Amino acid sequence: MKRAVFGALLGFFLSLPAVAQTSHQARGEDPLASWLRNAYTTNRNYIAKSAEKVPEEFYNMRPGPQAEVRTFGQIIGHLANFNYLWCAEAKGEPNPNEGNDFEKVTAKADLVKALNGAQTYCDVVYAALTDASGIEMIQVTRPNGQRNQLPRASRLILNYAHNNEHYGNLVTYMRIKGIVPPSSNQP
């Protein structure tokens, strides 16, 4: 996952000057922020539809007998946790979900509510993103307590990439149960 995120960040930052000088001036918009916002929105909608579509009886399903592999419901809770965390960091405020662990929640209705809350919280952050605000440095505290300065967009790219990776997990779970994933249900 670290390599994928690093690659995405490297590509983002290498393309920023060229894209900003050409497309931004020509169209008068924020092309990179717009791209990230649209990519996040498409993916977040697939995840939300997946959470709604899968029956509660499958929320405790694992793709195999391994106890270390998350259940469908645990993935939904995990996504809620990290959407809150990384969007709060990008926004520069304390995590509004601090002290809660949605991975421990088991009821579908509660998990869907948690996911919707986290996504709604992130929607505001992505909506406010511009190319200029994306390269502003923010303070981030790592799990080991170390504090670092990173570009704001790095947290939002990380969030999008993380969501996308776990949507792939959700698709596998749905396919195992014969459920057509939202991304395959497009006209």
Protein backbone atom coordinates (compact mmCIF):
# COMPACT_ATOMS: atom_id res chain seq x y z
CA MET A 1 0.00 0.00 0.00
CA LYS A 2 2.87 2.37 0.82
CA ARG A 3 4.31 1.99 -2.69
CA ALA A 4 0.95 2.69 -4.33
CA VAL A 5 0.41 5.80 -2.23
CA PHE A 6 3.98 6.98 -2.83
CA GLY A 7 3.53 6.47 -6.57
CA ALA A 8 0.25 8.38 -6.56
CA LEU A 9 1.78 11.23 -4.56
CA LEU A 10 4.87 11.36 -6.77
CA GLY A 11 2.76 11.51 -9.92
CA PHE A 12 0.52 14.14 -8.39
CA PHE A 13 3.34 16.43 -7.37
CA LEU A 14 5.38 15.96 -10.54
CA SER A 15 2.42 16.85 -12.71
CA LEU A 16 1.26 19.80 -10.59
CA PRO A 17 3.44 22.55 -12.12
CA ALA A 18 2.78 21.57 -15.74
CA VAL A 19 -0.92 21.02 -15.32
CA ALA A 20 -1.36 24.13 -13.20
CA GLN A 21 0.38 26.32 -15.78
CA THR A 22 -1.52 25.02 -18.80
CA SER A 23 -4.93 23.70 -17.89
CA HIS A 24 -5.53 25.94 -14.89
CA GLN A 25 -4.80 29.12 -16.83
CA ALA A 26 -6.66 27.94 -19.93
CA ARG A 27 -9.80 26.79 -18.13
CA GLY A 28 -9.71 28.91 -14.98
CA GLU A 29 -10.27 25.92 -12.68
CA ASP A 30 -8.36 23.59 -10.37
CA PRO A 31 -7.73 20.52 -12.54
CA LEU A 32 -5.94 18.34 -9.99
CA ALA A 33 -8.29 19.13 -7.14
CA SER A 34 -11.24 18.57 -9.49
CA TRP A 35 -9.85 15.22 -10.59
CA LEU A 36 -9.26 14.08 -7.00
CA ARG A 37 -12.69 15.28 -5.89
CA ASN A 38 -14.41 13.43 -8.76
CA ALA A 39 -12.39 10.24 -8.22
CA TYR A 40 -13.16 10.30 -4.49
CA THR A 41 -16.87 10.97 -5.10
CA THR A 42 -17.26 8.11 -7.57
CA ASN A 43 -15.48 5.70 -5.25
CA ARG A 44 -17.26 6.90 -2.09
CA ASN A 45 -20.61 6.35 -3.82
CA TYR A 46 -19.64 2.79 -4.78
CA ILE A 47 -18.68 2.08 -1.17
CA ALA A 48 -21.90 3.61 0.20
CA LYS A 49 -24.01 1.63 -2.29
CA SER A 50 -22.12 -1.55 -1.37
CA ALA A 51 -22.81 -1.00 2.33
CA GLU A 52 -26.51 -0.56 1.56
CA LYS A 53 -26.75 -3.40 -0.95
CA VAL A 54 -25.19 -6.21 1.07
CA PRO A 55 -27.69 -7.91 3.39
CA GLU A 56 -26.93 -7.81 7.11
CA GLU A 57 -26.52 -11.59 7.18
CA PHE A 58 -23.32 -11.19 5.13
CA TYR A 59 -21.79 -8.43 7.24
CA ASN A 60 -19.95 -11.04 9.34
CA MET A 61 -18.67 -12.90 6.26
CA ARG A 62 -14.96 -13.46 5.60
CA PRO A 63 -13.63 -14.67 2.24
CA GLY A 64 -11.97 -17.62 3.99
CA PRO A 65 -11.44 -19.13 7.43
CA GLN A 66 -8.58 -16.81 8.38
CA ALA A 67 -9.49 -14.89 11.52
CA GLU A 68 -7.04 -12.12 10.62
CA VAL A 69 -9.03 -11.24 7.49
CA ARG A 70 -11.67 -8.58 8.15
CA THR A 71 -15.35 -9.30 7.76
CA PHE A 72 -17.39 -7.23 5.31
CA GLY A 73 -18.72 -5.20 8.25
CA GLN A 74 -15.25 -4.66 9.69
CA ILE A 75 -14.10 -3.23 6.36
CA ILE A 76 -17.03 -0.79 6.39
CA GLY A 77 -16.11 0.20 9.98
CA HIS A 78 -12.43 0.48 9.05
CA LEU A 79 -13.28 2.80 6.16
CA ALA A 80 -15.41 4.98 8.45
CA ASN A 81 -12.54 5.20 10.96
CA PHE A 82 -9.94 6.23 8.42
CA ASN A 83 -12.16 8.62 6.45
CA TYR A 84 -12.70 10.52 9.68
CA LEU A 85 -9.00 10.41 10.60
CA TRP A 86 -7.45 11.48 7.31
CA CYS A 87 -10.08 14.07 6.42
CA ALA A 88 -9.74 15.62 9.90
CA GLU A 89 -5.98 15.83 9.38
CA ALA A 90 -6.50 17.42 5.95
CA LYS A 91 -8.97 19.85 7.49
CA GLY A 92 -6.54 20.67 10.30
CA GLU A 93 -8.85 19.78 13.14
CA PRO A 94 -9.17 17.03 15.76
CA ASN A 95 -10.70 13.77 14.60
CA PRO A 96 -14.43 13.97 15.45
CA ASN A 97 -14.43 10.17 15.75
CA GLU A 98 -11.55 10.05 18.25
CA GLY A 99 -12.06 7.26 20.77
CA ASN A 100 -14.56 5.31 18.64
CA ASP A 101 -13.71 2.18 16.69
CA PHE A 102 -16.34 1.37 14.11
CA GLU A 103 -14.54 -1.89 13.26
CA LYS A 104 -16.03 -3.27 16.49
CA VAL A 105 -19.60 -2.40 15.47
CA THR A 106 -21.56 -5.34 14.06
CA ALA A 107 -25.05 -4.09 13.17
CA LYS A 108 -25.48 -3.11 9.53
CA ALA A 109 -27.62 -0.05 10.32
CA ASP A 110 -24.98 1.29 12.71
CA LEU A 111 -22.16 0.65 10.24
CA VAL A 112 -24.04 2.29 7.37
CA LYS A 113 -24.73 5.29 9.61
CA ALA A 114 -21.04 5.50 10.63
CA LEU A 115 -19.88 5.24 7.02
CA ASN A 116 -22.35 7.88 5.85
CA GLY A 117 -21.23 10.20 8.65
CA ALA A 118 -17.57 9.75 7.76
CA GLN A 119 -18.19 10.25 4.06
CA THR A 120 -20.30 13.34 4.65
CA TYR A 121 -17.51 14.73 6.81
CA CYS A 122 -14.99 14.06 4.01
CA ASP A 123 -17.26 15.47 1.31
CA VAL A 124 -16.82 18.94 2.83
CA VAL A 125 -13.03 18.61 2.84
CA TYR A 126 -12.85 17.45 -0.78
CA ALA A 127 -15.33 20.16 -1.85
CA ALA A 128 -13.10 22.87 -0.38
CA LEU A 129 -9.92 21.53 -2.00
CA THR A 130 -8.17 23.66 -4.60
CA ASP A 131 -4.84 23.06 -6.30
CA ALA A 132 -3.36 25.82 -4.14
CA SER A 133 -4.79 24.50 -0.85
CA GLY A 134 -3.67 20.99 -1.82
CA ILE A 135 -0.01 21.97 -1.69
CA GLU A 136 -0.32 23.83 1.63
CA MET A 137 1.61 22.07 4.36
CA ILE A 138 -0.33 20.57 7.27
CA GLN A 139 0.78 19.02 10.54
CA VAL A 140 0.24 15.26 10.78
CA THR A 141 0.87 13.04 13.79
CA ARG A 142 1.92 9.51 12.94
CA PRO A 143 0.84 6.48 15.01
CA ASN A 144 4.24 6.50 16.74
CA GLY A 145 3.61 10.10 17.87
CA GLN A 146 6.09 11.65 15.43
CA ARG A 147 4.82 14.91 13.91
CA ASN A 148 5.44 15.68 10.26
CA GLN A 149 4.57 18.38 7.78
CA LEU A 150 2.91 17.09 4.61
CA PRO A 151 0.98 18.66 1.75
CA ARG A 152 -2.77 18.68 2.47
CA ALA A 153 -3.48 16.75 -0.74
CA SER A 154 -1.29 13.88 0.47
CA ARG A 155 -3.87 12.97 3.12
CA LEU A 156 -6.75 13.20 0.65
CA ILE A 157 -4.89 11.13 -1.95
CA LEU A 158 -4.08 8.58 0.75
CA ASN A 159 -7.74 8.51 1.78
CA TYR A 160 -8.92 8.02 -1.82
CA ALA A 161 -6.32 5.28 -2.49
CA HIS A 162 -7.23 3.51 0.77
CA ASN A 163 -10.94 3.67 -0.07
CA ASN A 164 -10.24 2.33 -3.54
CA GLU A 165 -8.17 -0.59 -2.22
CA HIS A 166 -10.88 -1.60 0.21
CA TYR A 167 -13.62 -1.20 -2.39
CA GLY A 168 -11.75 -3.97 -4.23
CA ASN A 169 -12.08 -6.12 -1.09
CA LEU A 170 -15.80 -5.36 -0.87
CA VAL A 171 -16.24 -6.35 -4.53
CA THR A 172 -14.65 -9.74 -3.82
CA TYR A 173 -16.98 -10.33 -0.87
CA MET A 174 -20.02 -9.36 -2.95
CA ARG A 175 -18.98 -11.60 -5.86
CA ILE A 176 -18.55 -14.56 -3.50
CA LYS A 177 -22.20 -14.11 -2.49
CA GLY A 178 -23.43 -13.51 -6.05
CA ILE A 179 -24.07 -9.79 -5.51
CA VAL A 180 -23.28 -7.50 -8.44
CA PRO A 181 -21.05 -4.64 -7.21
CA PRO A 182 -22.23 -1.06 -7.84
CA SER A 183 -19.33 -0.35 -10.21
CA SER A 184 -20.46 -3.25 -12.44
CA ASN A 185 -24.06 -2.09 -12.39
CA GLN A 186 -23.47 1.06 -14.43
CA PRO A 187 -25.52 1.75 -17.59
